[in-house]
Amino acid sequence: MTTSSVVAALMLHNQSCSQCRMGEPCVVTERILDEWLHRQAAAQVEASTSAWPAEDAA
């Protein structure tokens, strides 16, 4: 999920959610953000592990 798709998902949700329109906390918004943060962290871990040099089989 890219940053722009997260923003689009949040904007779409905020238009239809009465809690979000009133500025109140919303479980769905938190879930969207948590999923995005989890994917970002997983992508960083994957990028850092793929950058490690491979061990030589000696």
N, C-alpha and C. Protein backbone atom coordinates (compact mmCIF):
# COMPACT_ATOMS: atom_id res chain seq x y z
N MET A 1 0.85 -1.17 0.00
CA MET A 1 0.00 0.00 0.00
C MET A 1 0.90 1.23 0.00
N THR A 2 0.78 2.05 -1.00
CA THR A 2 1.61 3.24 -1.09
C THR A 2 1.02 4.36 -0.26
N THR A 3 1.81 5.39 -0.05
CA THR A 3 1.34 6.53 0.74
C THR A 3 0.11 7.16 0.10
N SER A 4 0.13 7.30 -1.22
CA SER A 4 -1.01 7.92 -1.90
C SER A 4 -2.28 7.06 -1.78
N SER A 5 -2.12 5.73 -1.79
CA SER A 5 -3.30 4.88 -1.64
C SER A 5 -3.84 4.93 -0.22
N VAL A 6 -2.96 5.11 0.76
CA VAL A 6 -3.41 5.25 2.15
C VAL A 6 -4.18 6.55 2.31
N VAL A 7 -3.66 7.61 1.73
CA VAL A 7 -4.35 8.91 1.79
C VAL A 7 -5.72 8.80 1.12
N ALA A 8 -5.77 8.15 -0.04
CA ALA A 8 -7.04 7.98 -0.75
C ALA A 8 -8.03 7.17 0.09
N ALA A 9 -7.55 6.08 0.71
CA ALA A 9 -8.42 5.24 1.54
C ALA A 9 -8.94 6.03 2.74
N LEU A 10 -8.08 6.81 3.36
CA LEU A 10 -8.51 7.60 4.51
C LEU A 10 -9.50 8.69 4.10
N MET A 11 -9.25 9.34 2.98
CA MET A 11 -10.17 10.38 2.52
C MET A 11 -11.55 9.79 2.21
N LEU A 12 -11.56 8.65 1.53
CA LEU A 12 -12.82 8.00 1.21
C LEU A 12 -13.56 7.59 2.48
N HIS A 13 -12.82 7.01 3.43
CA HIS A 13 -13.45 6.62 4.69
C HIS A 13 -13.98 7.84 5.45
N ASN A 14 -13.18 8.88 5.52
CA ASN A 14 -13.57 10.07 6.29
C ASN A 14 -14.84 10.71 5.74
N GLN A 15 -15.07 10.59 4.44
CA GLN A 15 -16.29 11.16 3.85
C GLN A 15 -17.54 10.42 4.30
N SER A 16 -17.41 9.13 4.56
CA SER A 16 -18.58 8.33 4.90
C SER A 16 -18.73 8.03 6.38
N CYS A 17 -17.72 8.38 7.19
CA CYS A 17 -17.75 8.04 8.61
C CYS A 17 -18.14 9.27 9.44
N SER A 18 -19.24 9.16 10.16
CA SER A 18 -19.69 10.29 10.97
C SER A 18 -18.72 10.61 12.10
N GLN A 19 -18.08 9.57 12.66
CA GLN A 19 -17.11 9.81 13.74
C GLN A 19 -15.93 10.62 13.22
N CYS A 20 -15.42 10.24 12.05
CA CYS A 20 -14.28 10.94 11.47
C CYS A 20 -14.64 12.38 11.09
N ARG A 21 -15.83 12.56 10.55
CA ARG A 21 -16.25 13.92 10.18
C ARG A 21 -16.33 14.82 11.40
N MET A 22 -16.63 14.24 12.56
CA MET A 22 -16.72 15.03 13.80
C MET A 22 -15.36 15.14 14.50
N GLY A 23 -14.34 14.49 13.95
CA GLY A 23 -13.01 14.56 14.54
C GLY A 23 -12.81 13.61 15.71
N GLU A 24 -13.68 12.61 15.83
CA GLU A 24 -13.56 11.64 16.92
C GLU A 24 -12.70 10.45 16.48
N PRO A 25 -12.09 9.75 17.43
CA PRO A 25 -11.30 8.56 17.09
C PRO A 25 -12.17 7.51 16.42
N CYS A 26 -11.58 6.80 15.46
CA CYS A 26 -12.32 5.79 14.70
C CYS A 26 -11.45 4.55 14.56
N VAL A 27 -12.02 3.39 14.84
CA VAL A 27 -11.30 2.12 14.77
C VAL A 27 -10.87 1.82 13.33
N VAL A 28 -11.70 2.12 12.37
CA VAL A 28 -11.37 1.83 10.97
C VAL A 28 -10.17 2.65 10.52
N THR A 29 -10.14 3.92 10.87
CA THR A 29 -9.00 4.78 10.53
C THR A 29 -7.73 4.25 11.18
N GLU A 30 -7.83 3.86 12.44
CA GLU A 30 -6.66 3.30 13.13
C GLU A 30 -6.19 2.03 12.44
N ARG A 31 -7.11 1.19 11.99
CA ARG A 31 -6.74 -0.05 11.31
C ARG A 31 -6.04 0.24 9.98
N ILE A 32 -6.53 1.22 9.22
CA ILE A 32 -5.89 1.60 7.96
C ILE A 32 -4.47 2.07 8.21
N LEU A 33 -4.29 2.92 9.20
CA LEU A 33 -2.96 3.45 9.51
C LEU A 33 -2.04 2.36 10.05
N ASP A 34 -2.55 1.50 10.92
CA ASP A 34 -1.74 0.41 11.46
C ASP A 34 -1.27 -0.55 10.37
N GLU A 35 -2.18 -0.86 9.44
CA GLU A 35 -1.82 -1.77 8.34
C GLU A 35 -0.73 -1.13 7.48
N TRP A 36 -0.85 0.16 7.21
CA TRP A 36 0.14 0.86 6.40
C TRP A 36 1.50 0.88 7.12
N LEU A 37 1.49 1.19 8.41
CA LEU A 37 2.74 1.21 9.17
C LEU A 37 3.39 -0.17 9.21
N HIS A 38 2.57 -1.21 9.36
CA HIS A 38 3.09 -2.58 9.38
C HIS A 38 3.74 -2.92 8.04
N ARG A 39 3.09 -2.56 6.96
CA ARG A 39 3.65 -2.83 5.63
C ARG A 39 4.93 -2.03 5.38
N GLN A 40 4.96 -0.79 5.86
CA GLN A 40 6.17 0.02 5.71
C GLN A 40 7.33 -0.61 6.47
N ALA A 41 7.07 -1.06 7.68
CA ALA A 41 8.12 -1.69 8.49
C ALA A 41 8.59 -2.98 7.84
N ALA A 42 7.67 -3.77 7.34
CA ALA A 42 8.04 -5.03 6.68
C ALA A 42 8.87 -4.76 5.43
N ALA A 43 8.53 -3.73 4.69
CA ALA A 43 9.28 -3.39 3.49
C ALA A 43 10.69 -2.94 3.84
N GLN A 44 10.84 -2.20 4.93
CA GLN A 44 12.17 -1.76 5.36
C GLN A 44 13.02 -2.94 5.81
N VAL A 45 12.42 -3.88 6.53
CA VAL A 45 13.16 -5.06 6.97
C VAL A 45 13.59 -5.87 5.76
N GLU A 46 12.69 -6.05 4.81
CA GLU A 46 13.01 -6.81 3.61
C GLU A 46 14.13 -6.13 2.82
N ALA A 47 14.07 -4.82 2.71
CA ALA A 47 15.10 -4.08 1.98
C ALA A 47 16.45 -4.18 2.67
N SER A 48 16.44 -4.14 4.00
CA SER A 48 17.72 -4.20 4.72
C SER A 48 18.31 -5.61 4.71
N THR A 49 17.46 -6.63 4.74
CA THR A 49 17.99 -8.00 4.72
C THR A 49 18.47 -8.38 3.33
N SER A 50 17.86 -7.83 2.30
CA SER A 50 18.31 -8.16 0.95
C SER A 50 19.61 -7.43 0.62
N ALA A 51 19.95 -6.40 1.38
CA ALA A 51 21.18 -5.65 1.15
C ALA A 51 22.39 -6.31 1.82
N TRP A 52 22.14 -7.26 2.73
CA TRP A 52 23.23 -7.95 3.41
C TRP A 52 23.96 -8.85 2.43
N PRO A 53 25.26 -8.91 2.52
CA PRO A 53 26.00 -9.79 1.62
C PRO A 53 25.71 -11.26 1.94
N ALA A 54 25.69 -12.05 0.92
CA ALA A 54 25.43 -13.49 1.10
C ALA A 54 26.69 -14.16 1.66
N GLU A 55 26.45 -15.16 2.50
CA GLU A 55 27.58 -15.88 3.07
C GLU A 55 28.17 -16.81 2.01
N ASP A 56 29.49 -16.89 1.98
CA ASP A 56 30.16 -17.81 1.05
C ASP A 56 30.10 -19.21 1.60
N ALA A 57 29.76 -20.16 0.77
CA ALA A 57 29.75 -21.56 1.18
C ALA A 57 31.17 -22.11 0.97
N ALA A 58 31.89 -22.20 2.06
CA ALA A 58 33.28 -22.64 1.93
C ALA A 58 33.48 -24.04 2.45
